[in-house]
C-alpha atoms as a PDB file:
ATOM      1  CA  MET A   1     -35.158 -44.814 -43.419  1.00  0.00           C
ATOM      2  CA  LYS A   2     -37.454 -43.515 -46.152  1.00  0.00           C
ATOM      3  CA  ILE A   3     -41.130 -44.326 -45.824  1.00  0.00           C
ATOM      4  CA  ARG A   4     -42.712 -44.987 -49.190  1.00  0.00           C
ATOM      5  CA  SER A   5     -46.314 -45.685 -49.730  1.00  0.00           C
ATOM      6  CA  THR A   6     -49.492 -44.876 -51.401  1.00  0.00           C
ATOM      7  CA  THR A   7     -51.343 -44.592 -54.571  1.00  0.00           C
ATOM      8  CA  VAL A   8     -54.291 -42.223 -54.376  1.00  0.00           C
ATOM      9  CA  LEU A   9     -56.629 -41.867 -57.349  1.00  0.00           C
ATOM     10  CA  GLY A  10     -59.671 -39.715 -57.961  1.00  0.00           C
ATOM     11  CA  VAL A  11     -61.925 -39.951 -61.026  1.00  0.00           C
ATOM     12  CA  ARG A  12     -64.782 -37.762 -62.188  1.00  0.00           C
ATOM     13  CA  HIS A  13     -66.915 -39.497 -64.805  1.00  0.00           C
ATOM     14  CA  ASN A  14     -70.497 -39.091 -66.025  1.00  0.00           C
ATOM     15  CA  GLY A  15     -71.460 -36.816 -63.132  1.00  0.00           C
ATOM     16  CA  GLN A  16     -69.948 -39.081 -60.479  1.00  0.00           C
ATOM     17  CA  VAL A  17     -66.788 -38.687 -58.407  1.00  0.00           C
ATOM     18  CA  ALA A  18     -64.859 -41.378 -56.531  1.00  0.00           C
ATOM     19  CA  LEU A  19     -61.579 -41.261 -54.630  1.00  0.00           C
ATOM     20  CA  GLY A  20     -59.597 -44.265 -53.502  1.00  0.00           C
ATOM     21  CA  ALA A  21     -56.235 -45.412 -52.222  1.00  0.00           C
ATOM     22  CA  ASP A  22     -54.363 -48.573 -51.491  1.00  0.00           C
ATOM     23  CA  GLY A  23     -53.396 -49.542 -47.955  1.00  0.00           C
ATOM     24  CA  GLN A  24     -49.644 -50.112 -48.066  1.00  0.00           C
ATOM     25  CA  ALA A  25     -46.936 -48.263 -46.160  1.00  0.00           C
ATOM     26  CA  THR A  26     -43.370 -49.335 -46.845  1.00  0.00           C
ATOM     27  CA  MET A  27     -40.295 -48.584 -44.744  1.00  0.00           C
ATOM     28  CA  ASP A  28     -37.075 -49.054 -46.653  1.00  0.00           C
ATOM     29  CA  LYS A  29     -37.485 -52.469 -48.303  1.00  0.00           C
ATOM     30  CA  HIS A  30     -40.213 -53.827 -46.034  1.00  0.00           C
ATOM     31  CA  VAL A  31     -43.973 -53.499 -45.860  1.00  0.00           C
ATOM     32  CA  ALA A  32     -44.615 -51.783 -42.523  1.00  0.00           C
ATOM     33  CA  LYS A  33     -48.399 -51.898 -42.722  1.00  0.00           C
ATOM     34  CA  SER A  34     -50.811 -53.206 -45.320  1.00  0.00           C
ATOM     35  CA  ASN A  35     -54.092 -51.564 -44.321  1.00  0.00           C
ATOM     36  CA  VAL A  36     -53.367 -47.862 -43.849  1.00  0.00           C
ATOM     37  CA  ARG A  37     -56.479 -45.699 -44.193  1.00  0.00           C
ATOM     38  CA  LYS A  38     -55.447 -42.904 -46.580  1.00  0.00           C
ATOM     39  CA  VAL A  39     -58.916 -41.741 -47.603  1.00  0.00           C
ATOM     40  CA  ARG A  40     -61.167 -39.703 -45.312  1.00  0.00           C
ATOM     41  CA  LYS A  41     -64.580 -38.091 -45.521  1.00  0.00           C
ATOM     42  CA  LEU A  42     -64.893 -34.531 -44.211  1.00  0.00           C
ATOM     43  CA  HIS A  43     -67.606 -31.897 -43.910  1.00  0.00           C
ATOM     44  CA  ASP A  44     -70.445 -34.354 -43.197  1.00  0.00           C
ATOM     45  CA  GLY A  45     -69.332 -36.657 -46.012  1.00  0.00           C
ATOM     46  CA  LYS A  46     -69.610 -33.974 -48.686  1.00  0.00           C
ATOM     47  CA  VAL A  47     -65.833 -33.848 -49.185  1.00  0.00           C
ATOM     48  CA  VAL A  48     -63.459 -36.773 -49.636  1.00  0.00           C
ATOM     49  CA  THR A  49     -59.691 -36.440 -49.200  1.00  0.00           C
ATOM     50  CA  GLY A  50     -56.803 -38.754 -49.911  1.00  0.00           C
ATOM     51  CA  PHE A  51     -53.193 -38.198 -48.915  1.00  0.00           C
ATOM     52  CA  ALA A  52     -49.738 -39.331 -49.911  1.00  0.00           C
ATOM     53  CA  GLY A  53     -46.555 -38.737 -47.956  1.00  0.00           C
ATOM     54  CA  SER A  54     -45.712 -38.621 -44.284  1.00  0.00           C
ATOM     55  CA  THR A  55     -48.726 -39.717 -42.239  1.00  0.00           C
ATOM     56  CA  ALA A  56     -48.198 -37.201 -39.438  1.00  0.00           C
ATOM     57  CA  ASP A  57     -47.797 -34.396 -41.985  1.00  0.00           C
ATOM     58  CA  ALA A  58     -50.888 -35.532 -43.853  1.00  0.00           C
ATOM     59  CA  PHE A  59     -53.020 -35.556 -40.693  1.00  0.00           C
ATOM     60  CA  LEU A  60     -51.902 -32.032 -39.848  1.00  0.00           C
ATOM     61  CA  LEU A  61     -52.873 -30.930 -43.355  1.00  0.00           C
ATOM     62  CA  LEU A  62     -56.207 -32.767 -43.141  1.00  0.00           C
ATOM     63  CA  ASP A  63     -56.988 -30.907 -39.915  1.00  0.00           C
ATOM     64  CA  ARG A  64     -56.050 -27.593 -41.521  1.00  0.00           C
ATOM     65  CA  PHE A  65     -58.090 -28.386 -44.624  1.00  0.00           C
ATOM     66  CA  GLU A  66     -61.128 -29.315 -42.542  1.00  0.00           C
ATOM     67  CA  GLU A  67     -60.759 -26.005 -40.701  1.00  0.00           C
ATOM     68  CA  LYS A  68     -60.652 -24.153 -44.035  1.00  0.00           C
ATOM     69  CA  LEU A  69     -63.774 -25.988 -45.217  1.00  0.00           C
ATOM     70  CA  GLY A  70     -65.566 -24.756 -42.113  1.00  0.00           C
ATOM     71  CA  ASN A  71     -64.286 -21.209 -42.596  1.00  0.00           C
ATOM     72  CA  TYR A  72     -65.506 -21.110 -46.201  1.00  0.00           C
ATOM     73  CA  SER A  73     -68.865 -22.886 -45.869  1.00  0.00           C
ATOM     74  CA  GLY A  74     -67.686 -26.083 -47.533  1.00  0.00           C
ATOM     75  CA  GLN A  75     -66.472 -24.375 -50.719  1.00  0.00           C
ATOM     76  CA  LEU A  76     -63.896 -26.920 -51.875  1.00  0.00           C
ATOM     77  CA  ARG A  77     -61.893 -24.740 -54.251  1.00  0.00           C
ATOM     78  CA  ARG A  78     -61.717 -21.790 -51.856  1.00  0.00           C
ATOM     79  CA  ALA A  79     -60.678 -24.007 -48.943  1.00  0.00           C
ATOM     80  CA  ALA A  80     -58.024 -25.684 -51.122  1.00  0.00           C
ATOM     81  CA  ILE A  81     -56.584 -22.363 -52.277  1.00  0.00           C
ATOM     82  CA  GLU A  82     -56.498 -20.969 -48.746  1.00  0.00           C
ATOM     83  CA  LEU A  83     -54.757 -24.129 -47.467  1.00  0.00           C
ATOM     84  CA  ALA A  84     -52.204 -23.975 -50.292  1.00  0.00           C
ATOM     85  CA  LYS A  85     -51.505 -20.312 -49.539  1.00  0.00           C
ATOM     86  CA  GLU A  86     -51.004 -21.038 -45.844  1.00  0.00           C
ATOM     87  CA  TRP A  87     -48.917 -24.130 -46.625  1.00  0.00           C
ATOM     88  CA  ARG A  88     -46.657 -22.085 -48.896  1.00  0.00           C
ATOM     89  CA  LYS A  89     -46.248 -19.111 -46.539  1.00  0.00           C
ATOM     90  CA  ASP A  90     -45.868 -20.805 -43.153  1.00  0.00           C
ATOM     91  CA  GLN A  91     -42.266 -21.821 -42.352  1.00  0.00           C
ATOM     92  CA  TYR A  92     -43.355 -24.913 -40.416  1.00  0.00           C
ATOM     93  CA  LEU A  93     -45.983 -26.083 -42.915  1.00  0.00           C
ATOM     94  CA  ARG A  94     -43.579 -25.559 -45.825  1.00  0.00           C
ATOM     95  CA  LYS A  95     -41.445 -28.431 -44.481  1.00  0.00           C
ATOM     96  CA  LEU A  96     -44.318 -30.913 -44.524  1.00  0.00           C
ATOM     97  CA  GLU A  97     -43.952 -33.804 -46.941  1.00  0.00           C
ATOM     98  CA  ALA A  98     -47.414 -34.678 -48.175  1.00  0.00           C
ATOM     99  CA  MET A  99     -49.854 -34.099 -51.019  1.00  0.00           C
ATOM    100  CA  MET A 100     -53.627 -34.344 -51.103  1.00  0.00           C
ATOM    101  CA  VAL A 101     -56.362 -35.116 -53.581  1.00  0.00           C
ATOM    102  CA  VAL A 102     -59.678 -33.594 -52.537  1.00  0.00           C
ATOM    103  CA  CYS A 103     -63.103 -33.828 -54.113  1.00  0.00           C
ATOM    104  CA  ASP A 104     -66.759 -33.076 -53.658  1.00  0.00           C
ATOM    105  CA  LYS A 105     -69.593 -34.050 -55.979  1.00  0.00           C
ATOM    106  CA  ASP A 106     -68.602 -31.298 -58.444  1.00  0.00           C
ATOM    107  CA  GLU A 107     -64.817 -30.853 -58.271  1.00  0.00           C
ATOM    108  CA  LEU A 108     -61.610 -32.866 -58.114  1.00  0.00           C
ATOM    109  CA  LEU A 109     -58.379 -31.111 -57.075  1.00  0.00           C
ATOM    110  CA  ILE A 110     -54.751 -31.854 -56.192  1.00  0.00           C
ATOM    111  CA  ILE A 111     -53.181 -29.746 -53.430  1.00  0.00           C
ATOM    112  CA  ALA A 112     -49.386 -29.606 -53.161  1.00  0.00           C
ATOM    113  CA  GLY A 113     -47.028 -27.910 -50.737  1.00  0.00           C
ATOM    114  CA  SER A 114     -45.545 -25.855 -53.533  1.00  0.00           C
ATOM    115  CA  GLY A 115     -48.683 -23.731 -53.369  1.00  0.00           C
ATOM    116  CA  ASP A 116     -50.312 -25.477 -56.306  1.00  0.00           C
ATOM    117  CA  VAL A 117     -54.002 -26.301 -56.507  1.00  0.00           C
ATOM    118  CA  LEU A 118     -54.477 -28.288 -59.694  1.00  0.00           C
ATOM    119  CA  GLU A 119     -57.688 -29.259 -61.413  1.00  0.00           C
ATOM    120  CA  PRO A 120     -56.749 -32.067 -63.788  1.00  0.00           C
ATOM    121  CA  ASP A 121     -57.805 -31.594 -67.424  1.00  0.00           C
ATOM    122  CA  SER A 122     -58.799 -35.231 -67.781  1.00  0.00           C
ATOM    123  CA  ASP A 123     -60.892 -35.498 -64.575  1.00  0.00           C
ATOM    124  CA  VAL A 124     -58.316 -37.960 -63.240  1.00  0.00           C
ATOM    125  CA  ALA A 125     -56.128 -36.983 -60.262  1.00  0.00           C
ATOM    126  CA  ALA A 126     -53.375 -39.249 -58.970  1.00  0.00           C
ATOM    127  CA  ILE A 127     -50.623 -38.860 -56.371  1.00  0.00           C
ATOM    128  CA  GLY A 128     -48.127 -41.146 -54.687  1.00  0.00           C
ATOM    129  CA  SER A 129     -45.721 -43.881 -55.667  1.00  0.00           C
ATOM    130  CA  GLY A 130     -48.053 -45.621 -58.104  1.00  0.00           C
ATOM    131  CA  ALA A 131     -49.731 -42.456 -59.373  1.00  0.00           C
ATOM    132  CA  MET A 132     -48.664 -42.689 -62.993  1.00  0.00           C
ATOM    133  CA  TYR A 133     -49.724 -46.340 -63.274  1.00  0.00           C
ATOM    134  CA  ALA A 134     -53.141 -45.620 -61.765  1.00  0.00           C
ATOM    135  CA  GLN A 135     -53.596 -42.467 -63.841  1.00  0.00           C
ATOM    136  CA  ALA A 136     -52.724 -44.249 -67.085  1.00  0.00           C
ATOM    137  CA  ALA A 137     -55.126 -47.082 -66.278  1.00  0.00           C
ATOM    138  CA  ALA A 138     -57.934 -44.658 -65.339  1.00  0.00           C
ATOM    139  CA  LEU A 139     -57.471 -42.648 -68.536  1.00  0.00           C
ATOM    140  CA  ALA A 140     -57.643 -45.852 -70.593  1.00  0.00           C
ATOM    141  CA  LEU A 141     -60.810 -46.918 -68.760  1.00  0.00           C
ATOM    142  CA  LYS A 142     -62.445 -43.524 -69.318  1.00  0.00           C
ATOM    143  CA  LYS A 143     -61.694 -43.808 -73.032  1.00  0.00           C
ATOM    144  CA  HIS A 144     -62.388 -47.486 -73.652  1.00  0.00           C
ATOM    145  CA  ALA A 145     -64.902 -48.431 -70.944  1.00  0.00           C
ATOM    146  CA  PRO A 146     -67.136 -45.367 -70.529  1.00  0.00           C
ATOM    147  CA  HIS A 147     -69.984 -47.572 -69.260  1.00  0.00           C
ATOM    148  CA  LEU A 148     -68.130 -48.059 -65.949  1.00  0.00           C
ATOM    149  CA  THR A 149     -68.932 -45.872 -62.945  1.00  0.00           C
ATOM    150  CA  ALA A 150     -66.310 -43.557 -61.444  1.00  0.00           C
ATOM    151  CA  ARG A 151     -66.016 -45.945 -58.486  1.00  0.00           C
ATOM    152  CA  GLN A 152     -65.455 -48.957 -60.763  1.00  0.00           C
ATOM    153  CA  MET A 153     -62.781 -47.045 -62.668  1.00  0.00           C
ATOM    154  CA  VAL A 154     -60.961 -46.107 -59.456  1.00  0.00           C
ATOM    155  CA  GLU A 155     -61.114 -49.698 -58.210  1.00  0.00           C
ATOM    156  CA  GLU A 156     -59.852 -51.261 -61.427  1.00  0.00           C
ATOM    157  CA  ALA A 157     -57.135 -48.637 -61.998  1.00  0.00           C
ATOM    158  CA  LEU A 158     -55.828 -49.061 -58.436  1.00  0.00           C
ATOM    159  CA  HIS A 159     -55.732 -52.838 -58.879  1.00  0.00           C
ATOM    160  CA  ILE A 160     -53.732 -52.367 -62.098  1.00  0.00           C
ATOM    161  CA  ALA A 161     -51.323 -50.036 -60.258  1.00  0.00           C
ATOM    162  CA  ALA A 162     -50.987 -52.607 -57.453  1.00  0.00           C
ATOM    163  CA  ASP A 163     -50.029 -55.251 -60.012  1.00  0.00           C
ATOM    164  CA  ILE A 164     -47.175 -53.034 -61.260  1.00  0.00           C
ATOM    165  CA  CYS A 165     -45.980 -50.844 -58.369  1.00  0.00           C
ATOM    166  CA  ILE A 166     -44.193 -52.531 -55.448  1.00  0.00           C
ATOM    167  CA  TYR A 167     -45.298 -49.691 -53.123  1.00  0.00           C
ATOM    168  CA  THR A 168     -49.002 -50.279 -53.826  1.00  0.00           C
ATOM    169  CA  ASN A 169     -51.194 -53.149 -52.647  1.00  0.00           C
ATOM    170  CA  HIS A 170     -54.691 -54.481 -53.311  1.00  0.00           C
ATOM    171  CA  ASN A 171     -56.191 -53.401 -49.940  1.00  0.00           C
ATOM    172  CA  LEU A 172     -58.310 -50.590 -51.328  1.00  0.00           C
ATOM    173  CA  MET A 173     -60.528 -48.016 -49.717  1.00  0.00           C
ATOM    174  CA  ILE A 174     -62.808 -46.069 -52.041  1.00  0.00           C
ATOM    175  CA  GLU A 175     -65.186 -43.297 -51.037  1.00  0.00           C
ATOM    176  CA  GLU A 176     -67.671 -41.092 -52.857  1.00  0.00           C
ATOM    177  CA  PRO A 177     -68.875 -37.692 -51.669  1.00  0.00           C
ATOM    178  CA  VAL A 178     -72.562 -37.379 -50.752  1.00  0.00           C
END
């Protein structure tokens, strides 16, 4: 049975960063849980992470990422690159099925098991089942509603994705790094 779930969206806008996700986890054709917490604060709230994919795999990666943050004094990019390198090289980690969006007050990155650490050109990062819906909505908001905060853009874009994607719901959790 395939577990499907998640839309995670991060937006950087006007010097602010926000990261949010919906709360739905779907098993086969049924909603298994509607209030999954897919967004976490790390490193004393200075870093926010969101995950898509297998929950157990994501928690393992979150632990590894938090360890890397500690090893590299909270340097987001360096910790992300080191995690991606380890993820790519380690035979066990390579089999993990998850992706992460990570951010601090200055950067927004996507980390994938392929060894990629991506900094989106548009300051919008999205992963998961409803990623393209949320990303399209966030890009439109950045262009046509620049008066909104990053948090407001994440909230509205995730609600739009939830209206379209059957694997995304309206139970949102949004965090901002301190």
